[in-house]
């Protein structure tokens, strides 16, 4: 049985606003300039690495453990799909901005 995990639209909008603010903060502080797409990719990498560590340490002892693991993997898949879409949108915006500067 496959369950769908729905992320409220408001939550996705909040994430986008936070990521844009991070870009501005990095730029204002003169830190390594990270684009929005780089921030998203960094978030994807952290999520995958953290989950990989958790899975490596997970011992499945019962059907309930397996069900929980499957649910967690489905949640991760949904999150990564959302981040993938956000990444591509960010790359398009960045490309449009770079073309506008030329």
C-alpha atoms as a PDB file:
ATOM      1  CA  UNK A   1       0.000   0.000   0.000  1.00  0.00           C
ATOM      2  CA  UNK A   2       1.422   3.313  -1.056  1.00  0.00           C
ATOM      3  CA  UNK A   3       0.680   6.409   0.958  1.00  0.00           C
ATOM      4  CA  UNK A   4       1.022   9.944  -0.281  1.00  0.00           C
ATOM      5  CA  UNK A   5       2.592  12.547   1.882  1.00  0.00           C
ATOM      6  CA  UNK A   6       1.180  15.976   1.183  1.00  0.00           C
ATOM      7  CA  UNK A   7       3.221  19.020   2.028  1.00  0.00           C
ATOM      8  CA  UNK A   8       1.005  22.041   2.561  1.00  0.00           C
ATOM      9  CA  UNK A   9       1.506  24.764  -0.037  1.00  0.00           C
ATOM     10  CA  UNK A  10       2.122  27.307   2.709  1.00  0.00           C
ATOM     11  CA  UNK A  11       5.008  25.219   4.051  1.00  0.00           C
ATOM     12  CA  UNK A  12       6.600  25.072   0.587  1.00  0.00           C
ATOM     13  CA  UNK A  13       6.219  28.842   0.235  1.00  0.00           C
ATOM     14  CA  UNK A  14       7.870  29.366   3.620  1.00  0.00           C
ATOM     15  CA  UNK A  15      10.806  27.192   2.558  1.00  0.00           C
ATOM     16  CA  UNK A  16      11.222  29.213  -0.629  1.00  0.00           C
ATOM     17  CA  UNK A  17      11.189  32.492   1.300  1.00  0.00           C
ATOM     18  CA  UNK A  18      13.738  31.163   3.796  1.00  0.00           C
ATOM     19  CA  UNK A  19      16.040  30.017   0.988  1.00  0.00           C
ATOM     20  CA  UNK A  20      15.812  33.397  -0.733  1.00  0.00           C
ATOM     21  CA  UNK A  21      16.593  35.173   2.545  1.00  0.00           C
ATOM     22  CA  UNK A  22      19.622  32.926   3.042  1.00  0.00           C
ATOM     23  CA  UNK A  23      20.910  33.958  -0.376  1.00  0.00           C
ATOM     24  CA  UNK A  24      20.527  37.614   0.599  1.00  0.00           C
ATOM     25  CA  UNK A  25      22.231  37.062   3.970  1.00  0.00           C
ATOM     26  CA  UNK A  26      25.182  35.271   2.370  1.00  0.00           C
ATOM     27  CA  UNK A  27      25.513  38.088  -0.148  1.00  0.00           C
ATOM     28  CA  UNK A  28      25.183  40.877   2.460  1.00  0.00           C
ATOM     29  CA  UNK A  29      27.748  39.311   4.785  1.00  0.00           C
ATOM     30  CA  UNK A  30      30.200  38.875   1.956  1.00  0.00           C
ATOM     31  CA  UNK A  31      30.372  35.165   2.613  1.00  0.00           C
ATOM     32  CA  UNK A  32      30.900  32.660  -0.130  1.00  0.00           C
ATOM     33  CA  UNK A  33      28.169  33.608  -2.525  1.00  0.00           C
ATOM     34  CA  UNK A  34      25.729  30.737  -2.651  1.00  0.00           C
ATOM     35  CA  UNK A  35      22.975  30.793  -5.208  1.00  0.00           C
ATOM     36  CA  UNK A  36      19.495  29.592  -4.372  1.00  0.00           C
ATOM     37  CA  UNK A  37      20.099  26.389  -6.346  1.00  0.00           C
ATOM     38  CA  UNK A  38      23.311  25.722  -4.387  1.00  0.00           C
ATOM     39  CA  UNK A  39      21.456  26.133  -1.103  1.00  0.00           C
ATOM     40  CA  UNK A  40      18.769  23.695  -2.270  1.00  0.00           C
ATOM     41  CA  UNK A  41      21.388  21.180  -3.419  1.00  0.00           C
ATOM     42  CA  UNK A  42      23.141  21.513  -0.064  1.00  0.00           C
ATOM     43  CA  UNK A  43      19.854  20.773   1.692  1.00  0.00           C
ATOM     44  CA  UNK A  44      19.292  17.718  -0.527  1.00  0.00           C
ATOM     45  CA  UNK A  45      22.793  16.419   0.230  1.00  0.00           C
ATOM     46  CA  UNK A  46      22.368  16.906   3.990  1.00  0.00           C
ATOM     47  CA  UNK A  47      19.021  15.090   3.922  1.00  0.00           C
ATOM     48  CA  UNK A  48      20.360  12.158   1.923  1.00  0.00           C
ATOM     49  CA  UNK A  49      23.497  11.849   4.066  1.00  0.00           C
ATOM     50  CA  UNK A  50      21.558  12.016   7.344  1.00  0.00           C
ATOM     51  CA  UNK A  51      19.027   9.442   6.136  1.00  0.00           C
ATOM     52  CA  UNK A  52      21.781   7.188   4.824  1.00  0.00           C
ATOM     53  CA  UNK A  53      23.439   7.200   8.241  1.00  0.00           C
ATOM     54  CA  UNK A  54      20.138   6.425   9.940  1.00  0.00           C
ATOM     55  CA  UNK A  55      19.455   3.542   7.549  1.00  0.00           C
ATOM     56  CA  UNK A  56      22.952   2.145   8.017  1.00  0.00           C
ATOM     57  CA  UNK A  57      22.339   1.976  11.768  1.00  0.00           C
ATOM     58  CA  UNK A  58      18.789   0.623  11.500  1.00  0.00           C
ATOM     59  CA  UNK A  59      18.139  -2.987  12.436  1.00  0.00           C
ATOM     60  CA  UNK A  60      14.809  -4.357  11.311  1.00  0.00           C
ATOM     61  CA  UNK A  61      13.386  -6.688  13.931  1.00  0.00           C
ATOM     62  CA  UNK A  62       9.699  -6.737  13.083  1.00  0.00           C
ATOM     63  CA  UNK A  63       7.100  -5.937  10.450  1.00  0.00           C
ATOM     64  CA  UNK A  64       6.354  -2.716  12.300  1.00  0.00           C
ATOM     65  CA  UNK A  65       9.998  -1.653  11.927  1.00  0.00           C
ATOM     66  CA  UNK A  66       9.783  -2.398   8.217  1.00  0.00           C
ATOM     67  CA  UNK A  67       6.541  -0.408   7.886  1.00  0.00           C
ATOM     68  CA  UNK A  68       8.129   2.550   9.660  1.00  0.00           C
ATOM     69  CA  UNK A  69      11.177   2.337   7.427  1.00  0.00           C
ATOM     70  CA  UNK A  70       9.025   2.265   4.288  1.00  0.00           C
ATOM     71  CA  UNK A  71       7.039   5.261   5.532  1.00  0.00           C
ATOM     72  CA  UNK A  72      10.263   7.178   6.197  1.00  0.00           C
ATOM     73  CA  UNK A  73      11.584   6.338   2.737  1.00  0.00           C
ATOM     74  CA  UNK A  74       8.341   7.527   1.137  1.00  0.00           C
ATOM     75  CA  UNK A  75       8.578  10.771   3.121  1.00  0.00           C
ATOM     76  CA  UNK A  76      12.158  11.239   1.983  1.00  0.00           C
ATOM     77  CA  UNK A  77      11.195  10.571  -1.630  1.00  0.00           C
ATOM     78  CA  UNK A  78       8.440  13.188  -1.471  1.00  0.00           C
ATOM     79  CA  UNK A  79      10.813  15.720   0.084  1.00  0.00           C
ATOM     80  CA  UNK A  80      13.490  15.074  -2.528  1.00  0.00           C
ATOM     81  CA  UNK A  81      10.952  15.463  -5.352  1.00  0.00           C
ATOM     82  CA  UNK A  82       9.883  18.825  -3.931  1.00  0.00           C
ATOM     83  CA  UNK A  83      13.505  19.906  -3.622  1.00  0.00           C
ATOM     84  CA  UNK A  84      14.234  18.745  -7.166  1.00  0.00           C
ATOM     85  CA  UNK A  85      11.412  20.917  -8.497  1.00  0.00           C
ATOM     86  CA  UNK A  86      12.589  23.869  -6.411  1.00  0.00           C
ATOM     87  CA  UNK A  87      16.155  23.324  -7.643  1.00  0.00           C
ATOM     88  CA  UNK A  88      15.116  23.416 -11.294  1.00  0.00           C
ATOM     89  CA  UNK A  89      12.992  26.536 -10.749  1.00  0.00           C
ATOM     90  CA  UNK A  90      15.915  28.223  -9.005  1.00  0.00           C
ATOM     91  CA  UNK A  91      18.262  27.312 -11.872  1.00  0.00           C
ATOM     92  CA  UNK A  92      15.813  28.770 -14.399  1.00  0.00           C
ATOM     93  CA  UNK A  93      15.573  32.011 -12.408  1.00  0.00           C
ATOM     94  CA  UNK A  94      19.360  32.192 -12.116  1.00  0.00           C
ATOM     95  CA  UNK A  95      19.774  31.618 -15.858  1.00  0.00           C
ATOM     96  CA  UNK A  96      17.202  34.313 -16.627  1.00  0.00           C
ATOM     97  CA  UNK A  97      19.029  36.743 -14.336  1.00  0.00           C
ATOM     98  CA  UNK A  98      22.395  35.990 -15.903  1.00  0.00           C
ATOM     99  CA  UNK A  99      20.956  36.491 -19.403  1.00  0.00           C
ATOM    100  CA  UNK A 100      19.354  39.762 -18.319  1.00  0.00           C
ATOM    101  CA  UNK A 101      22.756  41.058 -17.159  1.00  0.00           C
ATOM    102  CA  UNK A 102      24.309  40.469 -20.588  1.00  0.00           C
END
